[in-house]
PDB file of all heavy atoms in Angstrom:
ATOM      1  N   ASP A   1     -60.115  13.328  27.984  1.00  0.00           N
ATOM      2  CA  ASP A   1     -60.391  13.034  26.546  1.00  0.00           C
ATOM      3  C   ASP A   1     -60.065  11.553  26.359  1.00  0.00           C
ATOM      4  O   ASP A   1     -58.889  11.224  26.084  1.00  0.00           O
ATOM      5  CB  ASP A   1     -59.538  13.945  25.678  1.00  0.00           C
ATOM      6  CG  ASP A   1     -59.814  13.686  24.184  1.00  0.00           C
ATOM      7  OD1 ASP A   1     -60.358  12.641  23.850  1.00  0.00           O
ATOM      8  OD2 ASP A   1     -59.419  14.535  23.357  1.00  0.00           O
ATOM      9  N   TRP A   2     -61.015  10.675  26.547  1.00  0.00           N
ATOM     10  CA  TRP A   2     -60.771   9.266  26.609  1.00  0.00           C
ATOM     11  C   TRP A   2     -60.305   8.658  25.279  1.00  0.00           C
ATOM     12  O   TRP A   2     -59.416   7.784  25.239  1.00  0.00           O
ATOM     13  CB  TRP A   2     -61.975   8.506  27.121  1.00  0.00           C
ATOM     14  CG  TRP A   2     -61.740   7.058  27.209  1.00  0.00           C
ATOM     15  CD1 TRP A   2     -62.410   6.105  26.380  1.00  0.00           C
ATOM     16  CD2 TRP A   2     -60.808   6.315  28.036  1.00  0.00           C
ATOM     17  NE1 TRP A   2     -61.901   4.815  26.705  1.00  0.00           N
ATOM     18  CE2 TRP A   2     -60.943   4.950  27.679  1.00  0.00           C
ATOM     19  CE3 TRP A   2     -59.934   6.692  28.969  1.00  0.00           C
ATOM     20  CZ2 TRP A   2     -60.189   3.981  28.348  1.00  0.00           C
ATOM     21  CZ3 TRP A   2     -59.175   5.750  29.628  1.00  0.00           C
ATOM     22  CH2 TRP A   2     -59.322   4.384  29.309  1.00  0.00           C
ATOM     23  N   ALA A   3     -60.827   9.107  24.181  1.00  0.00           N
ATOM     24  CA  ALA A   3     -60.445   8.570  22.871  1.00  0.00           C
ATOM     25  C   ALA A   3     -58.985   8.762  22.642  1.00  0.00           C
ATOM     26  O   ALA A   3     -58.270   7.898  22.179  1.00  0.00           O
ATOM     27  CB  ALA A   3     -61.266   9.186  21.735  1.00  0.00           C
ATOM     28  N   ARG A   4     -58.504  10.003  22.966  1.00  0.00           N
ATOM     29  CA  ARG A   4     -57.052  10.258  22.827  1.00  0.00           C
ATOM     30  C   ARG A   4     -56.225   9.491  23.805  1.00  0.00           C
ATOM     31  O   ARG A   4     -55.245   8.853  23.454  1.00  0.00           O
ATOM     32  CB  ARG A   4     -56.802  11.739  23.018  1.00  0.00           C
ATOM     33  CG  ARG A   4     -55.360  12.170  22.942  1.00  0.00           C
ATOM     34  CD  ARG A   4     -55.281  13.711  23.095  1.00  0.00           C
ATOM     35  NE  ARG A   4     -53.885  14.208  23.052  1.00  0.00           N
ATOM     36  CZ  ARG A   4     -53.120  14.387  24.133  1.00  0.00           C
ATOM     37  NH1 ARG A   4     -53.646  14.002  25.337  1.00  0.00           N
ATOM     38  NH2 ARG A   4     -51.923  14.809  24.061  1.00  0.00           N
ATOM     39  N   ARG A   5     -56.658   9.496  25.046  1.00  0.00           N
ATOM     40  CA  ARG A   5     -55.890   8.769  26.128  1.00  0.00           C
ATOM     41  C   ARG A   5     -55.754   7.261  25.817  1.00  0.00           C
ATOM     42  O   ARG A   5     -54.691   6.666  25.978  1.00  0.00           O
ATOM     43  CB  ARG A   5     -56.590   8.966  27.470  1.00  0.00           C
ATOM     44  CG  ARG A   5     -56.245   7.888  28.530  1.00  0.00           C
ATOM     45  CD  ARG A   5     -54.803   8.006  29.028  1.00  0.00           C
ATOM     46  NE  ARG A   5     -54.802   8.840  30.186  1.00  0.00           N
ATOM     47  CZ  ARG A   5     -55.334   8.513  31.339  1.00  0.00           C
ATOM     48  NH1 ARG A   5     -55.829   7.286  31.542  1.00  0.00           N
ATOM     49  NH2 ARG A   5     -55.332   9.388  32.344  1.00  0.00           N
ATOM     50  N   TYR A   6     -56.865   6.676  25.347  1.00  0.00           N
ATOM     51  CA  TYR A   6     -56.844   5.226  25.144  1.00  0.00           C
ATOM     52  C   TYR A   6     -55.876   4.915  24.033  1.00  0.00           C
ATOM     53  O   TYR A   6     -55.171   3.856  24.073  1.00  0.00           O
ATOM     54  CB  TYR A   6     -58.257   4.745  24.820  1.00  0.00           C
ATOM     55  CG  TYR A   6     -58.342   3.215  24.782  1.00  0.00           C
ATOM     56  CD1 TYR A   6     -57.975   2.447  25.888  1.00  0.00           C
ATOM     57  CD2 TYR A   6     -58.904   2.575  23.721  1.00  0.00           C
ATOM     58  CE1 TYR A   6     -58.062   1.098  25.898  1.00  0.00           C
ATOM     59  CE2 TYR A   6     -59.071   1.188  23.691  1.00  0.00           C
ATOM     60  CZ  TYR A   6     -58.636   0.429  24.802  1.00  0.00           C
ATOM     61  OH  TYR A   6     -58.701  -0.915  24.811  1.00  0.00           O
ATOM     62  N   LYS A   7     -55.812   5.693  23.000  1.00  0.00           N
ATOM     63  CA  LYS A   7     -54.840   5.454  21.934  1.00  0.00           C
ATOM     64  C   LYS A   7     -53.360   5.560  22.475  1.00  0.00           C
ATOM     65  O   LYS A   7     -52.537   4.756  22.139  1.00  0.00           O
ATOM     66  CB  LYS A   7     -54.993   6.466  20.760  1.00  0.00           C
ATOM     67  CG  LYS A   7     -56.104   6.084  19.794  1.00  0.00           C
ATOM     68  CD  LYS A   7     -56.060   6.964  18.592  1.00  0.00           C
ATOM     69  CE  LYS A   7     -57.129   6.532  17.566  1.00  0.00           C
ATOM     70  NZ  LYS A   7     -57.089   7.400  16.370  1.00  0.00           N
ATOM     71  N   LEU A   8     -53.142   6.563  23.343  1.00  0.00           N
ATOM     72  CA  LEU A   8     -51.834   6.698  23.940  1.00  0.00           C
ATOM     73  C   LEU A   8     -51.497   5.474  24.781  1.00  0.00           C
ATOM     74  O   LEU A   8     -50.352   4.975  24.757  1.00  0.00           O
ATOM     75  CB  LEU A   8     -51.781   7.951  24.810  1.00  0.00           C
ATOM     76  CG  LEU A   8     -51.962   9.265  24.086  1.00  0.00           C
ATOM     77  CD1 LEU A   8     -51.995  10.475  25.067  1.00  0.00           C
ATOM     78  CD2 LEU A   8     -50.851   9.505  23.095  1.00  0.00           C
ATOM     79  N   MET A   9     -52.446   4.922  25.467  1.00  0.00           N
ATOM     80  CA  MET A   9     -52.217   3.749  26.325  1.00  0.00           C
ATOM     81  C   MET A   9     -51.890   2.532  25.428  1.00  0.00           C
ATOM     82  O   MET A   9     -50.947   1.756  25.726  1.00  0.00           O
ATOM     83  CB  MET A   9     -53.523   3.442  27.131  1.00  0.00           C
ATOM     84  CG  MET A   9     -53.744   4.381  28.257  1.00  0.00           C
ATOM     85  SD  MET A   9     -55.441   4.289  28.952  1.00  0.00           S
ATOM     86  CE  MET A   9     -55.520   2.594  29.487  1.00  0.00           C
ATOM     87  N   ARG A  10     -52.581   2.385  24.329  1.00  0.00           N
ATOM     88  CA  ARG A  10     -52.368   1.253  23.435  1.00  0.00           C
ATOM     89  C   ARG A  10     -50.927   1.391  22.827  1.00  0.00           C
ATOM     90  O   ARG A  10     -50.212   0.374  22.704  1.00  0.00           O
ATOM     91  CB  ARG A  10     -53.390   1.245  22.322  1.00  0.00           C
ATOM     92  CG  ARG A  10     -54.807   0.883  22.837  1.00  0.00           C
ATOM     93  CD  ARG A  10     -55.842   1.232  21.816  1.00  0.00           C
ATOM     94  NE  ARG A  10     -55.659   0.485  20.612  1.00  0.00           N
ATOM     95  CZ  ARG A  10     -56.152   0.924  19.391  1.00  0.00           C
ATOM     96  NH1 ARG A  10     -56.882   2.048  19.335  1.00  0.00           N
ATOM     97  NH2 ARG A  10     -55.928   0.211  18.314  1.00  0.00           N
ATOM     98  N   VAL A  11     -50.581   2.599  22.391  1.00  0.00           N
ATOM     99  CA  VAL A  11     -49.262   2.773  21.792  1.00  0.00           C
ATOM    100  C   VAL A  11     -48.150   2.570  22.850  1.00  0.00           C
ATOM    101  O   VAL A  11     -47.137   1.928  22.524  1.00  0.00           O
ATOM    102  CB  VAL A  11     -49.098   4.220  21.218  1.00  0.00           C
ATOM    103  CG1 VAL A  11     -47.667   4.543  20.858  1.00  0.00           C
ATOM    104  CG2 VAL A  11     -50.030   4.402  20.021  1.00  0.00           C
ATOM    105  N   HIS A  12     -48.397   3.021  24.049  1.00  0.00           N
ATOM    106  CA  HIS A  12     -47.363   2.871  25.133  1.00  0.00           C
ATOM    107  C   HIS A  12     -47.082   1.365  25.401  1.00  0.00           C
ATOM    108  O   HIS A  12     -45.954   0.962  25.477  1.00  0.00           O
ATOM    109  CB  HIS A  12     -47.820   3.583  26.374  1.00  0.00           C
ATOM    110  CG  HIS A  12     -46.653   3.926  27.284  1.00  0.00           C
ATOM    111  ND1 HIS A  12     -46.725   4.890  28.246  1.00  0.00           N
ATOM    112  CD2 HIS A  12     -45.405   3.368  27.401  1.00  0.00           C
ATOM    113  CE1 HIS A  12     -45.603   4.976  28.903  1.00  0.00           C
ATOM    114  NE2 HIS A  12     -44.777   4.004  28.429  1.00  0.00           N
ATOM    115  N   THR A  13     -48.130   0.588  25.496  1.00  0.00           N
ATOM    116  CA  THR A  13     -47.908  -0.796  25.752  1.00  0.00           C
ATOM    117  C   THR A  13     -47.273  -1.521  24.545  1.00  0.00           C
ATOM    118  O   THR A  13     -46.441  -2.380  24.755  1.00  0.00           O
ATOM    119  CB  THR A  13     -49.332  -1.485  26.082  1.00  0.00           C
ATOM    120  OG1 THR A  13     -49.931  -0.786  27.161  1.00  0.00           O
ATOM    121  CG2 THR A  13     -49.090  -2.965  26.508  1.00  0.00           C
ATOM    122  N   ALA A  14     -47.658  -1.091  23.354  1.00  0.00           N
ATOM    123  CA  ALA A  14     -47.018  -1.642  22.172  1.00  0.00           C
ATOM    124  C   ALA A  14     -45.524  -1.340  22.116  1.00  0.00           C
ATOM    125  O   ALA A  14     -44.736  -2.219  21.726  1.00  0.00           O
ATOM    126  CB  ALA A  14     -47.740  -1.078  20.891  1.00  0.00           C
ATOM    127  N   LEU A  15     -45.148  -0.140  22.572  1.00  0.00           N
ATOM    128  CA  LEU A  15     -43.725   0.170  22.596  1.00  0.00           C
ATOM    129  C   LEU A  15     -42.913  -0.703  23.599  1.00  0.00           C
ATOM    130  O   LEU A  15     -41.806  -1.051  23.347  1.00  0.00           O
ATOM    131  CB  LEU A  15     -43.535   1.664  22.900  1.00  0.00           C
ATOM    132  CG  LEU A  15     -43.939   2.606  21.800  1.00  0.00           C
ATOM    133  CD1 LEU A  15     -43.757   4.060  22.289  1.00  0.00           C
ATOM    134  CD2 LEU A  15     -43.115   2.418  20.556  1.00  0.00           C
ATOM    135  N   HIS A  16     -43.598  -1.049  24.711  1.00  0.00           N
ATOM    136  CA  HIS A  16     -42.918  -1.966  25.648  1.00  0.00           C
ATOM    137  C   HIS A  16     -42.743  -3.329  24.971  1.00  0.00           C
ATOM    138  O   HIS A  16     -41.653  -3.966  25.162  1.00  0.00           O
ATOM    139  CB  HIS A  16     -43.810  -2.134  26.869  1.00  0.00           C
ATOM    140  CG  HIS A  16     -43.618  -1.077  27.889  1.00  0.00           C
ATOM    141  ND1 HIS A  16     -43.459  -1.320  29.250  1.00  0.00           N
ATOM    142  CD2 HIS A  16     -43.548   0.290  27.796  1.00  0.00           C
ATOM    143  CE1 HIS A  16     -43.318  -0.157  29.942  1.00  0.00           C
ATOM    144  NE2 HIS A  16     -43.383   0.836  29.026  1.00  0.00           N
ATOM    145  N   LEU A  17     -43.737  -3.769  24.184  1.00  0.00           N
ATOM    146  CA  LEU A  17     -43.501  -5.041  23.465  1.00  0.00           C
ATOM    147  C   LEU A  17     -42.460  -4.900  22.359  1.00  0.00           C
ATOM    148  O   LEU A  17     -41.756  -5.863  22.083  1.00  0.00           O
ATOM    149  CB  LEU A  17     -44.895  -5.490  22.867  1.00  0.00           C
ATOM    150  CG  LEU A  17     -45.920  -5.884  23.895  1.00  0.00           C
ATOM    151  CD1 LEU A  17     -47.237  -6.205  23.148  1.00  0.00           C
ATOM    152  CD2 LEU A  17     -45.488  -7.032  24.715  1.00  0.00           C
ATOM    153  N   LEU A  18     -42.366  -3.755  21.767  1.00  0.00           N
ATOM    154  CA  LEU A  18     -41.338  -3.541  20.743  1.00  0.00           C
ATOM    155  C   LEU A  18     -39.976  -3.687  21.392  1.00  0.00           C
ATOM    156  O   LEU A  18     -39.034  -4.262  20.763  1.00  0.00           O
ATOM    157  CB  LEU A  18     -41.490  -2.098  20.146  1.00  0.00           C
ATOM    158  CG  LEU A  18     -40.462  -1.737  19.121  1.00  0.00           C
ATOM    159  CD1 LEU A  18     -40.519  -2.615  17.918  1.00  0.00           C
ATOM    160  CD2 LEU A  18     -40.632  -0.242  18.709  1.00  0.00           C
ATOM    161  N   SER A  19     -39.817  -3.272  22.648  1.00  0.00           N
ATOM    162  CA  SER A  19     -38.504  -3.395  23.320  1.00  0.00           C
ATOM    163  C   SER A  19     -38.183  -4.818  23.694  1.00  0.00           C
ATOM    164  O   SER A  19     -37.068  -5.194  24.005  1.00  0.00           O
ATOM    165  CB  SER A  19     -38.447  -2.519  24.601  1.00  0.00           C
ATOM    166  OG  SER A  19     -39.264  -3.072  25.660  1.00  0.00           O
ATOM    167  N   VAL A  20     -39.236  -5.684  23.593  1.00  0.00           N
ATOM    168  CA  VAL A  20     -38.983  -7.132  23.842  1.00  0.00           C
ATOM    169  C   VAL A  20     -38.434  -7.762  22.569  1.00  0.00           C
ATOM    170  O   VAL A  20     -37.508  -8.576  22.636  1.00  0.00           O
ATOM    171  CB  VAL A  20     -40.361  -7.823  24.235  1.00  0.00           C
ATOM    172  CG1 VAL A  20     -40.214  -9.339  24.318  1.00  0.00           C
ATOM    173  CG2 VAL A  20     -40.857  -7.266  25.579  1.00  0.00           C
ATOM    174  N   ILE A  21     -39.018  -7.477  21.381  1.00  0.00           N
ATOM    175  CA  ILE A  21     -38.535  -8.113  20.151  1.00  0.00           C
ATOM    176  C   ILE A  21     -37.231  -7.462  19.684  1.00  0.00           C
ATOM    177  O   ILE A  21     -36.517  -8.069  18.876  1.00  0.00           O
ATOM    178  CB  ILE A  21     -39.610  -8.058  19.050  1.00  0.00           C
ATOM    179  CG1 ILE A  21     -39.900  -6.623  18.634  1.00  0.00           C
ATOM    180  CG2 ILE A  21     -40.847  -8.807  19.526  1.00  0.00           C
ATOM    181  CD1 ILE A  21     -40.882  -6.562  17.463  1.00  0.00           C
ATOM    182  N   LEU A  22     -36.939  -6.289  20.245  1.00  0.00           N
ATOM    183  CA  LEU A  22     -35.638  -5.630  19.930  1.00  0.00           C
ATOM    184  C   LEU A  22     -34.909  -5.383  21.275  1.00  0.00           C
ATOM    185  O   LEU A  22     -35.033  -4.307  21.863  1.00  0.00           O
ATOM    186  CB  LEU A  22     -35.827  -4.317  19.190  1.00  0.00           C
ATOM    187  CG  LEU A  22     -36.261  -4.452  17.697  1.00  0.00           C
ATOM    188  CD1 LEU A  22     -36.595  -3.036  17.152  1.00  0.00           C
ATOM    189  CD2 LEU A  22     -35.160  -5.038  16.867  1.00  0.00           C
ATOM    190  N   PRO A  23     -34.236  -6.399  21.794  1.00  0.00           N
ATOM    191  CA  PRO A  23     -33.637  -6.315  23.113  1.00  0.00           C
ATOM    192  C   PRO A  23     -32.346  -5.538  23.217  1.00  0.00           C
ATOM    193  O   PRO A  23     -31.314  -6.087  23.523  1.00  0.00           O
ATOM    194  CB  PRO A  23     -33.468  -7.748  23.533  1.00  0.00           C
ATOM    195  CG  PRO A  23     -33.200  -8.457  22.188  1.00  0.00           C
ATOM    196  CD  PRO A  23     -34.056  -7.691  21.196  1.00  0.00           C
ATOM    197  N   TYR A  24     -32.398  -4.266  22.828  1.00  0.00           N
ATOM    198  CA  TYR A  24     -31.252  -3.388  22.826  1.00  0.00           C
ATOM    199  C   TYR A  24     -31.475  -2.200  23.726  1.00  0.00           C
ATOM    200  O   TYR A  24     -32.665  -1.848  24.010  1.00  0.00           O
ATOM    201  CB  TYR A  24     -30.965  -2.934  21.372  1.00  0.00           C
ATOM    202  CG  TYR A  24     -30.727  -4.064  20.372  1.00  0.00           C
ATOM    203  CD1 TYR A  24     -31.755  -4.490  19.580  1.00  0.00           C
ATOM    204  CD2 TYR A  24     -29.472  -4.623  20.296  1.00  0.00           C
ATOM    205  CE1 TYR A  24     -31.576  -5.495  18.671  1.00  0.00           C
ATOM    206  CE2 TYR A  24     -29.260  -5.669  19.378  1.00  0.00           C
ATOM    207  CZ  TYR A  24     -30.319  -6.076  18.564  1.00  0.00           C
ATOM    208  OH  TYR A  24     -30.099  -7.111  17.694  1.00  0.00           O
ATOM    209  N   PRO A  25     -30.454  -1.542  24.147  1.00  0.00           N
ATOM    210  CA  PRO A  25     -30.636  -0.287  24.970  1.00  0.00           C
ATOM    211  C   PRO A  25     -31.448   0.738  24.213  1.00  0.00           C
ATOM    212  O   PRO A  25     -31.267   0.952  23.002  1.00  0.00           O
ATOM    213  CB  PRO A  25     -29.221   0.194  25.211  1.00  0.00           C
ATOM    214  CG  PRO A  25     -28.346  -1.003  25.031  1.00  0.00           C
ATOM    215  CD  PRO A  25     -29.002  -1.857  24.012  1.00  0.00           C
ATOM    216  N   VAL A  26     -32.407   1.364  24.916  1.00  0.00           N
ATOM    217  CA  VAL A  26     -33.287   2.402  24.330  1.00  0.00           C
ATOM    218  C   VAL A  26     -32.694   3.768  24.559  1.00  0.00           C
ATOM    219  O   VAL A  26     -32.421   4.146  25.720  1.00  0.00           O
ATOM    220  CB  VAL A  26     -34.699   2.274  24.924  1.00  0.00           C
ATOM    221  CG1 VAL A  26     -35.573   3.409  24.360  1.00  0.00           C
ATOM    222  CG2 VAL A  26     -35.266   0.930  24.629  1.00  0.00           C
ATOM    223  N   THR A  27     -32.480   4.513  23.513  1.00  0.00           N
ATOM    224  CA  THR A  27     -31.810   5.823  23.631  1.00  0.00           C
ATOM    225  C   THR A  27     -32.833   6.982  23.577  1.00  0.00           C
ATOM    226  O   THR A  27     -32.499   8.131  23.864  1.00  0.00           O
ATOM    227  CB  THR A  27     -30.780   6.044  22.539  1.00  0.00           C
ATOM    228  OG1 THR A  27     -31.473   5.935  21.277  1.00  0.00           O
ATOM    229  CG2 THR A  27     -29.705   4.979  22.632  1.00  0.00           C
ATOM    230  N   GLY A  28     -34.085   6.679  23.259  1.00  0.00           N
ATOM    231  CA  GLY A  28     -35.103   7.731  23.221  1.00  0.00           C
ATOM    232  C   GLY A  28     -36.408   7.152  22.835  1.00  0.00           C
ATOM    233  O   GLY A  28     -36.536   6.013  22.361  1.00  0.00           O
ATOM    234  N   GLY A  29     -37.458   7.924  22.956  1.00  0.00           N
ATOM    235  CA  GLY A  29     -38.823   7.437  22.584  1.00  0.00           C
ATOM    236  C   GLY A  29     -39.844   8.560  22.679  1.00  0.00           C
ATOM    237  O   GLY A  29     -39.645   9.562  23.255  1.00  0.00           O
ATOM    238  N   GLN A  30     -40.932   8.289  21.956  1.00  0.00           N
ATOM    239  CA  GLN A  30     -42.044   9.302  21.927  1.00  0.00           C
ATOM    240  C   GLN A  30     -43.357   8.584  21.650  1.00  0.00           C
ATOM    241  O   GLN A  30     -43.391   7.669  20.815  1.00  0.00           O
ATOM    242  CB  GLN A  30     -41.771  10.388  20.938  1.00  0.00           C
ATOM    243  CG  GLN A  30     -42.765  11.557  20.995  1.00  0.00           C
ATOM    244  CD  GLN A  30     -42.370  12.708  20.031  1.00  0.00           C
ATOM    245  OE1 GLN A  30     -41.784  12.452  18.986  1.00  0.00           O
ATOM    246  NE2 GLN A  30     -42.620  13.885  20.434  1.00  0.00           N
ATOM    247  N   ILE A  31     -44.414   9.020  22.295  1.00  0.00           N
ATOM    248  CA  ILE A  31     -45.760   8.462  22.086  1.00  0.00           C
ATOM    249  C   ILE A  31     -46.639   9.586  21.540  1.00  0.00           C
ATOM    250  O   ILE A  31     -46.631  10.708  22.037  1.00  0.00           O
ATOM    251  CB  ILE A  31     -46.312   7.945  23.432  1.00  0.00           C
ATOM    252  CG1 ILE A  31     -45.402   6.839  23.983  1.00  0.00           C
ATOM    253  CG2 ILE A  31     -47.743   7.431  23.287  1.00  0.00           C
ATOM    254  CD1 ILE A  31     -45.623   6.580  25.482  1.00  0.00           C
ATOM    255  N   SER A  32     -47.419   9.266  20.492  1.00  0.00           N
ATOM    256  CA  SER A  32     -48.346  10.179  19.918  1.00  0.00           C
ATOM    257  C   SER A  32     -49.706   9.481  19.752  1.00  0.00           C
ATOM    258  O   SER A  32     -49.869   8.351  20.121  1.00  0.00           O
ATOM    259  CB  SER A  32     -47.809  10.661  18.543  1.00  0.00           C
ATOM    260  OG  SER A  32     -46.564  11.280  18.652  1.00  0.00           O
ATOM    261  N   ASP A  33     -50.639  10.242  19.177  1.00  0.00           N
ATOM    262  CA  ASP A  33     -52.005   9.767  18.994  1.00  0.00           C
ATOM    263  C   ASP A  33     -52.030   8.724  17.873  1.00  0.00           C
ATOM    264  O   ASP A  33     -52.142   9.065  16.697  1.00  0.00           O
ATOM    265  CB  ASP A  33     -52.934  10.958  18.654  1.00  0.00           C
ATOM    266  CG  ASP A  33     -54.367  10.578  18.666  1.00  0.00           C
ATOM    267  OD1 ASP A  33     -54.674   9.378  18.807  1.00  0.00           O
ATOM    268  OD2 ASP A  33     -55.228  11.476  18.547  1.00  0.00           O
ATOM    269  N   GLY A  34     -51.911   7.442  18.225  1.00  0.00           N
ATOM    270  CA  GLY A  34     -51.932   6.386  17.269  1.00  0.00           C
ATOM    271  C   GLY A  34     -50.586   5.939  16.738  1.00  0.00           C
ATOM    272  O   GLY A  34     -50.515   4.960  15.995  1.00  0.00           O
ATOM    273  N   THR A  35     -49.549   6.711  17.095  1.00  0.00           N
ATOM    274  CA  THR A  35     -48.195   6.313  16.603  1.00  0.00           C
ATOM    275  C   THR A  35     -47.233   6.447  17.754  1.00  0.00           C
ATOM    276  O   THR A  35     -47.514   7.087  18.808  1.00  0.00           O
ATOM    277  CB  THR A  35     -47.755   7.226  15.442  1.00  0.00           C
ATOM    278  OG1 THR A  35     -47.577   8.595  15.986  1.00  0.00           O
ATOM    279  CG2 THR A  35     -48.775   7.269  14.346  1.00  0.00           C
ATOM    280  N   GLY A  36     -46.023   5.860  17.538  1.00  0.00           N
ATOM    281  CA  GLY A  36     -44.992   5.984  18.584  1.00  0.00           C
ATOM    282  C   GLY A  36     -43.666   5.550  18.024  1.00  0.00           C
ATOM    283  O   GLY A  36     -43.571   4.931  16.943  1.00  0.00           O
ATOM    284  N   ARG A  37     -42.591   5.814  18.746  1.00  0.00           N
ATOM    285  CA  ARG A  37     -41.293   5.402  18.264  1.00  0.00           C
ATOM    286  C   ARG A  37     -40.383   5.122  19.417  1.00  0.00           C
ATOM    287  O   ARG A  37     -40.557   5.659  20.545  1.00  0.00           O
ATOM    288  CB  ARG A  37     -40.591   6.481  17.403  1.00  0.00           C
ATOM    289  CG  ARG A  37     -40.267   7.771  18.163  1.00  0.00           C
ATOM    290  CD  ARG A  37     -39.318   8.607  17.369  1.00  0.00           C
ATOM    291  NE  ARG A  37     -39.118   9.930  18.014  1.00  0.00           N
ATOM    292  CZ  ARG A  37     -38.171  10.189  18.941  1.00  0.00           C
ATOM    293  NH1 ARG A  37     -37.444   9.170  19.428  1.00  0.00           N
ATOM    294  NH2 ARG A  37     -38.043  11.383  19.495  1.00  0.00           N
ATOM    295  N   LEU A  38     -39.408   4.227  19.191  1.00  0.00           N
ATOM    296  CA  LEU A  38     -38.311   4.004  20.091  1.00  0.00           C
ATOM    297  C   LEU A  38     -36.961   4.137  19.309  1.00  0.00           C
ATOM    298  O   LEU A  38     -36.897   3.675  18.163  1.00  0.00           O
ATOM    299  CB  LEU A  38     -38.360   2.613  20.797  1.00  0.00           C
ATOM    300  CG  LEU A  38     -39.446   2.450  21.899  1.00  0.00           C
ATOM    301  CD1 LEU A  38     -39.371   1.026  22.401  1.00  0.00           C
ATOM    302  CD2 LEU A  38     -39.268   3.405  23.036  1.00  0.00           C
ATOM    303  N   ASP A  39     -35.961   4.710  19.892  1.00  0.00           N
ATOM    304  CA  ASP A  39     -34.617   4.770  19.307  1.00  0.00           C
ATOM    305  C   ASP A  39     -33.757   3.663  20.080  1.00  0.00           C
ATOM    306  O   ASP A  39     -33.736   3.625  21.261  1.00  0.00           O
ATOM    307  CB  ASP A  39     -34.035   6.117  19.495  1.00  0.00           C
ATOM    308  CG  ASP A  39     -34.774   7.167  18.732  1.00  0.00           C
ATOM    309  OD1 ASP A  39     -35.626   6.818  17.880  1.00  0.00           O
ATOM    310  OD2 ASP A  39     -34.590   8.370  19.000  1.00  0.00           O
ATOM    311  N   PHE A  40     -33.061   2.833  19.322  1.00  0.00           N
ATOM    312  CA  PHE A  40     -32.273   1.812  19.870  1.00  0.00           C
ATOM    313  C   PHE A  40     -30.805   1.959  19.523  1.00  0.00           C
ATOM    314  O   PHE A  40     -30.446   2.391  18.443  1.00  0.00           O
ATOM    315  CB  PHE A  40     -32.753   0.420  19.307  1.00  0.00           C
ATOM    316  CG  PHE A  40     -34.144   0.019  19.718  1.00  0.00           C
ATOM    317  CD1 PHE A  40     -35.244   0.345  18.857  1.00  0.00           C
ATOM    318  CD2 PHE A  40     -34.351  -0.590  20.862  1.00  0.00           C
ATOM    319  CE1 PHE A  40     -36.459  -0.010  19.216  1.00  0.00           C
ATOM    320  CE2 PHE A  40     -35.680  -0.993  21.238  1.00  0.00           C
ATOM    321  CZ  PHE A  40     -36.740  -0.684  20.423  1.00  0.00           C
ATOM    322  N   ASP A  41     -29.957   1.583  20.498  1.00  0.00           N
ATOM    323  CA  ASP A  41     -28.543   1.536  20.272  1.00  0.00           C
ATOM    324  C   ASP A  41     -28.217   0.132  19.725  1.00  0.00           C
ATOM    325  O   ASP A  41     -28.067  -0.877  20.470  1.00  0.00           O
ATOM    326  CB  ASP A  41     -27.803   1.811  21.564  1.00  0.00           C
ATOM    327  CG  ASP A  41     -26.290   1.799  21.404  1.00  0.00           C
ATOM    328  OD1 ASP A  41     -25.836   1.968  20.287  1.00  0.00           O
ATOM    329  OD2 ASP A  41     -25.567   1.700  22.437  1.00  0.00           O
ATOM    330  N   ILE A  42     -28.178   0.036  18.377  1.00  0.00           N
ATOM    331  CA  ILE A  42     -28.030  -1.261  17.727  1.00  0.00           C
ATOM    332  C   ILE A  42     -26.760  -1.280  16.906  1.00  0.00           C
ATOM    333  O   ILE A  42     -26.543  -0.371  16.102  1.00  0.00           O
ATOM    334  CB  ILE A  42     -29.253  -1.600  16.870  1.00  0.00           C
ATOM    335  CG1 ILE A  42     -30.549  -1.570  17.644  1.00  0.00           C
ATOM    336  CG2 ILE A  42     -29.069  -2.973  16.170  1.00  0.00           C
ATOM    337  CD1 ILE A  42     -31.780  -1.805  16.814  1.00  0.00           C
ATOM    338  N   PRO A  43     -25.919  -2.287  17.003  1.00  0.00           N
ATOM    339  CA  PRO A  43     -24.744  -2.404  16.135  1.00  0.00           C
ATOM    340  C   PRO A  43     -25.212  -2.458  14.671  1.00  0.00           C
ATOM    341  O   PRO A  43     -26.367  -2.756  14.422  1.00  0.00           O
ATOM    342  CB  PRO A  43     -24.101  -3.720  16.569  1.00  0.00           C
ATOM    343  CG  PRO A  43     -24.595  -3.938  17.960  1.00  0.00           C
ATOM    344  CD  PRO A  43     -25.980  -3.411  18.035  1.00  0.00           C
ATOM    345  N   GLU A  44     -24.297  -2.142  13.786  1.00  0.00           N
ATOM    346  CA  GLU A  44     -24.631  -2.142  12.376  1.00  0.00           C
ATOM    347  C   GLU A  44     -25.350  -3.433  11.948  1.00  0.00           C
ATOM    348  O   GLU A  44     -24.829  -4.548  12.112  1.00  0.00           O
ATOM    349  CB  GLU A  44     -23.315  -2.027  11.573  1.00  0.00           C
ATOM    350  CG  GLU A  44     -23.569  -1.715  10.073  1.00  0.00           C
ATOM    351  CD  GLU A  44     -24.150  -0.377   9.855  1.00  0.00           C
ATOM    352  OE1 GLU A  44     -23.701   0.579  10.488  1.00  0.00           O
ATOM    353  OE2 GLU A  44     -25.050  -0.247   8.976  1.00  0.00           O
ATOM    354  N   ALA A  45     -26.590  -3.259  11.537  1.00  0.00           N
ATOM    355  CA  ALA A  45     -27.378  -4.430  11.185  1.00  0.00           C
ATOM    356  C   ALA A  45     -28.561  -3.957  10.340  1.00  0.00           C
ATOM    357  O   ALA A  45     -28.965  -2.767  10.343  1.00  0.00           O
ATOM    358  CB  ALA A  45     -27.873  -5.151  12.423  1.00  0.00           C
ATOM    359  N   THR A  46     -29.126  -4.873   9.552  1.00  0.00           N
ATOM    360  CA  THR A  46     -30.347  -4.599   8.768  1.00  0.00           C
ATOM    361  C   THR A  46     -31.556  -5.199   9.497  1.00  0.00           C
ATOM    362  O   THR A  46     -31.587  -6.354   9.819  1.00  0.00           O
ATOM    363  CB  THR A  46     -30.201  -5.203   7.345  1.00  0.00           C
ATOM    364  OG1 THR A  46     -29.094  -4.666   6.721  1.00  0.00           O
ATOM    365  CG2 THR A  46     -31.472  -4.905   6.573  1.00  0.00           C
TER     366      THR A  46
END
């Protein structure tokens, strides 16, 4: 199912870039169809 897979690929690469702009240890993550998340171990900050 290429339409679904390609979205997952785009999200996955975007999450790698997210870990670049937030250079903190990653405690978890998930990729979905068009969305994704990373959990970071970040000291108290806004």
